[in-house]
Structures are given as C-alpha cells and as structure tokens.
Amino acid sequence: MFMDKQYSPEEFNLYNSAYVGVVLYQAIREYQSKNESGIHCGLLYLIAPMSLSIRYSSILPATTMSPIAAWSADNEGALIGLAEVVFSYADVVNSAVVFLLEHDAILLDDEGRYRLKSYSLPSKPAYVIKNVKFKDSFLTAGFLGRWFAAASSVESIYAQLGVRP
C-alpha cells in the first residue's frame, strides 16, 4: 500500500480508523466521567489533532484547572494554523467515528452528543501502553476530554482556540 511506504508506522497509524477511534473513545470516556450528558460531536474534531500531533500535545497545560482562554493566549503563536490542521483531520475523525459507531462502542443522541455504549475497552489497554506514541495520544485525549468538559460551551472552546466550526 502507498501509505505504509511513505509514512513511519506511527504516522500511518494516525490515518487508521481503529487507532484514532481508540484515542477518541478515551476522550469520550473521560469527558463523560465529568459530564454525563456526553461530548458534543464537534469537539472530536479538536481532540484528534491536539492529541495525535506532538506540536499541540506537548504544549498542553499540566492540569485541567487551567482555563482554555488563558492557555490559548499564552500559546497563541503555537496555535497559529490550528484551524487548518483541524480541517485536515476531518476525514480521519469521520472515519474513526464511523468505526466506533459500527462496532457499537459509542452512541450519538438527538442533541449531537456522543456517549459510550459500554465501558468494554480497558482504561489502559496493553496494546496502548506498549507503544509510547499511542500511549501519549491516548492519555492526551483523555486529558482533553476532561479539560473540555470543564469549559462553559463548545462555542467558547472553538473561539478561544481560534477555530471556526
């Protein structure tokens, strides 16, 4: 296949629906642990690039107590181009969501919120922990889920990060 010759195994995995699906599953799980109503569907488009790209994951705050507005103001230079990156990940996120829905891992409600159908995936799967990049993305996605759950609204998250939905 073309992609496996062009990209490293880690880069190739970024385009794998199952890989991205597991990362998003963790974000949904952690968001839902803080807000039972589930995660707004639009937030997954932010979570994927911010958790899968070292460019963004490496500058995230250490705690979910950091306000998104303050963090984004402190890192405005590093966030230049985030909107374009979010847009470029849209197909990858869509494929991962379809994967999760087809495997009955998540549910989409009438308000556009994803919730876990069950907690069948272990909180720290061995196949995730054994791969450093996968582990970092997985843990970062969980952090983002908790952090976004503490925000006032989806619109404010998008606005503070400089991304237009």
Protein backbone atom coordinates (compact mmCIF):
# COMPACT_ATOMS: atom_id res chain seq x y z
CA MET A 1 0.00 0.00 0.00
CA PHE A 2 1.17 3.52 -0.75
CA MET A 3 0.81 4.97 2.75
CA ASP A 4 2.85 2.30 4.51
CA LYS A 5 5.83 3.05 2.27
CA GLN A 6 5.57 6.81 2.66
CA TYR A 7 4.95 7.06 6.41
CA SER A 8 6.52 5.62 9.54
CA PRO A 9 4.36 3.10 11.45
CA GLU A 10 3.35 5.84 13.90
CA GLU A 11 2.37 8.25 11.11
CA PHE A 12 0.50 5.50 9.27
CA ASN A 13 -1.47 4.79 12.44
CA LEU A 14 -2.69 8.37 12.50
CA TYR A 15 -4.81 7.54 9.48
CA ASN A 16 -6.08 4.23 10.85
CA SER A 17 -9.74 4.40 11.89
CA ALA A 18 -9.26 1.94 14.74
CA TYR A 19 -6.23 3.81 16.12
CA VAL A 20 -7.94 7.20 16.03
CA GLY A 21 -11.15 5.56 17.26
CA VAL A 22 -9.45 4.26 20.40
CA VAL A 23 -7.99 7.71 21.05
CA LEU A 24 -11.40 9.36 20.60
CA TYR A 25 -13.06 6.65 22.71
CA GLN A 26 -10.76 7.64 25.58
CA ALA A 27 -11.66 11.31 25.15
CA ILE A 28 -15.37 10.46 25.18
CA ARG A 29 -14.91 8.28 28.27
CA GLU A 30 -13.05 10.97 30.19
CA TYR A 31 -15.46 13.72 29.11
CA GLN A 32 -18.40 11.56 30.17
CA SER A 33 -16.76 10.95 33.57
CA LYS A 34 -17.05 14.70 34.19
CA ASN A 35 -20.27 15.41 32.26
CA GLU A 36 -22.73 12.55 31.94
CA SER A 37 -24.59 14.16 29.04
CA GLY A 38 -21.74 13.19 26.71
CA ILE A 39 -19.33 15.06 24.48
CA HIS A 40 -20.55 17.37 21.74
CA CYS A 41 -19.78 15.90 18.32
CA GLY A 42 -17.83 19.00 17.28
CA LEU A 43 -15.22 18.58 19.99
CA LEU A 44 -13.86 15.37 18.48
CA TYR A 45 -12.52 17.43 15.57
CA LEU A 46 -10.36 19.39 18.03
CA ILE A 47 -9.33 16.42 20.11
CA ALA A 48 -7.88 14.36 17.25
CA PRO A 49 -5.23 16.83 16.05
CA MET A 50 -4.47 18.11 19.54
CA SER A 51 -3.86 14.61 20.90
CA LEU A 52 -2.25 13.00 17.85
CA SER A 53 0.13 15.85 16.98
CA ILE A 54 3.15 16.42 19.20
CA ARG A 55 3.02 20.06 18.09
CA TYR A 56 -0.08 20.58 20.22
CA SER A 57 0.06 17.80 22.79
CA SER A 58 3.48 18.94 24.01
CA ILE A 59 2.23 22.40 24.98
CA LEU A 60 -0.96 21.43 26.79
CA PRO A 61 -1.23 22.53 30.43
CA ALA A 62 -0.44 20.15 33.26
CA THR A 63 -3.88 20.43 34.80
CA THR A 64 -7.49 20.76 33.68
CA MET A 65 -7.81 23.69 36.09
CA SER A 66 -6.02 25.91 33.56
CA PRO A 67 -8.62 27.98 31.70
CA ILE A 68 -8.61 27.36 27.96
CA ALA A 69 -8.68 31.11 27.26
CA ALA A 70 -5.58 31.79 29.35
CA TRP A 71 -3.72 28.80 27.92
CA SER A 72 -4.55 29.74 24.33
CA ALA A 73 -3.45 33.34 24.96
CA ASP A 74 -0.13 32.09 26.37
CA ASN A 75 0.35 29.79 23.37
CA GLU A 76 -1.13 31.87 20.58
CA GLY A 77 2.00 31.57 18.43
CA ALA A 78 1.99 27.79 18.66
CA LEU A 79 -1.71 27.69 17.80
CA ILE A 80 -1.28 29.51 14.51
CA GLY A 81 -2.62 27.19 11.83
CA LEU A 82 -4.66 25.03 14.23
CA ALA A 83 -7.84 25.77 12.25
CA GLU A 84 -6.27 24.37 9.07
CA VAL A 85 -4.97 21.31 10.92
CA VAL A 86 -8.43 20.67 12.40
CA PHE A 87 -9.92 20.86 8.92
CA SER A 88 -7.28 18.46 7.54
CA TYR A 89 -8.17 15.86 10.20
CA ALA A 90 -11.90 15.94 9.42
CA ASP A 91 -11.89 12.82 7.21
CA VAL A 92 -9.77 10.92 9.73
CA VAL A 93 -12.17 11.83 12.54
CA ASN A 94 -15.20 10.94 10.44
CA SER A 95 -13.73 7.51 9.65
CA ALA A 96 -12.90 6.89 13.31
CA VAL A 97 -16.40 7.87 14.42
CA VAL A 98 -17.94 5.55 11.83
CA PHE A 99 -15.65 2.77 13.10
CA LEU A 100 -16.80 3.35 16.70
CA LEU A 101 -20.47 3.51 15.71
CA GLU A 102 -20.25 0.37 13.57
CA HIS A 103 -18.64 -1.50 16.47
CA ASP A 104 -21.33 -0.28 18.90
CA ALA A 105 -18.73 1.40 21.09
CA ILE A 106 -20.49 4.79 21.15
CA LEU A 107 -23.96 6.25 20.76
CA LEU A 108 -25.00 9.54 19.17
CA ASP A 109 -28.01 11.17 20.78
CA ASP A 110 -30.53 13.61 19.32
CA GLU A 111 -28.56 16.59 20.66
CA GLY A 112 -25.38 15.66 18.80
CA ARG A 113 -23.56 14.24 21.81
CA TYR A 114 -21.52 11.07 21.86
CA ARG A 115 -21.64 8.75 24.83
CA LEU A 116 -20.11 5.36 25.43
CA LYS A 117 -22.44 2.47 24.83
CA SER A 118 -20.45 0.40 27.31
CA TYR A 119 -17.11 0.52 29.04
CA SER A 120 -15.79 -2.52 27.25
CA LEU A 121 -12.38 -1.04 26.46
CA PRO A 122 -9.99 -1.27 29.44
CA SER A 123 -8.93 2.07 30.90
CA LYS A 124 -5.30 1.34 29.97
CA PRO A 125 -5.20 -1.33 27.25
CA ALA A 126 -1.92 -3.25 27.00
CA TYR A 127 -1.58 -2.56 23.27
CA VAL A 128 -1.77 1.17 24.01
CA ILE A 129 0.67 1.18 26.92
CA LYS A 130 3.29 -0.80 24.98
CA ASN A 131 3.58 1.88 22.29
CA VAL A 132 4.92 5.23 23.54
CA LYS A 133 3.28 7.35 20.82
CA PHE A 134 -0.06 5.56 21.18
CA LYS A 135 0.10 5.91 24.97
CA ASP A 136 0.86 9.64 24.74
CA SER A 137 -2.00 10.24 22.30
CA PHE A 138 -4.39 8.12 24.38
CA LEU A 139 -3.56 9.91 27.64
CA THR A 140 -3.65 13.33 25.96
CA ALA A 141 -7.08 12.60 24.50
CA GLY A 142 -8.31 11.68 27.97
CA PHE A 143 -6.91 14.92 29.35
CA LEU A 144 -8.60 16.91 26.57
CA GLY A 145 -11.89 15.16 27.31
CA ARG A 146 -11.71 16.18 30.98
CA TRP A 147 -10.48 19.69 30.14
CA PHE A 148 -13.20 20.35 27.58
CA ALA A 149 -15.84 19.01 29.99
CA ALA A 150 -14.88 21.81 32.38
CA ALA A 151 -15.38 24.51 29.72
CA SER A 152 -18.51 26.62 29.55
CA SER A 153 -19.52 25.71 25.99
CA VAL A 154 -18.40 24.14 22.73
CA GLU A 155 -18.59 27.52 21.03
CA SER A 156 -16.28 29.09 23.58
CA ILE A 157 -13.70 26.32 23.13
CA TYR A 158 -13.68 26.81 19.39
CA ALA A 159 -13.50 30.60 19.73
CA GLN A 160 -10.71 30.51 22.30
CA LEU A 161 -8.66 28.17 20.09
CA GLY A 162 -9.28 30.34 17.03
CA VAL A 163 -11.12 27.68 15.06
CA ARG A 164 -14.35 28.34 13.19
CA PRO A 165 -16.69 25.33 13.17
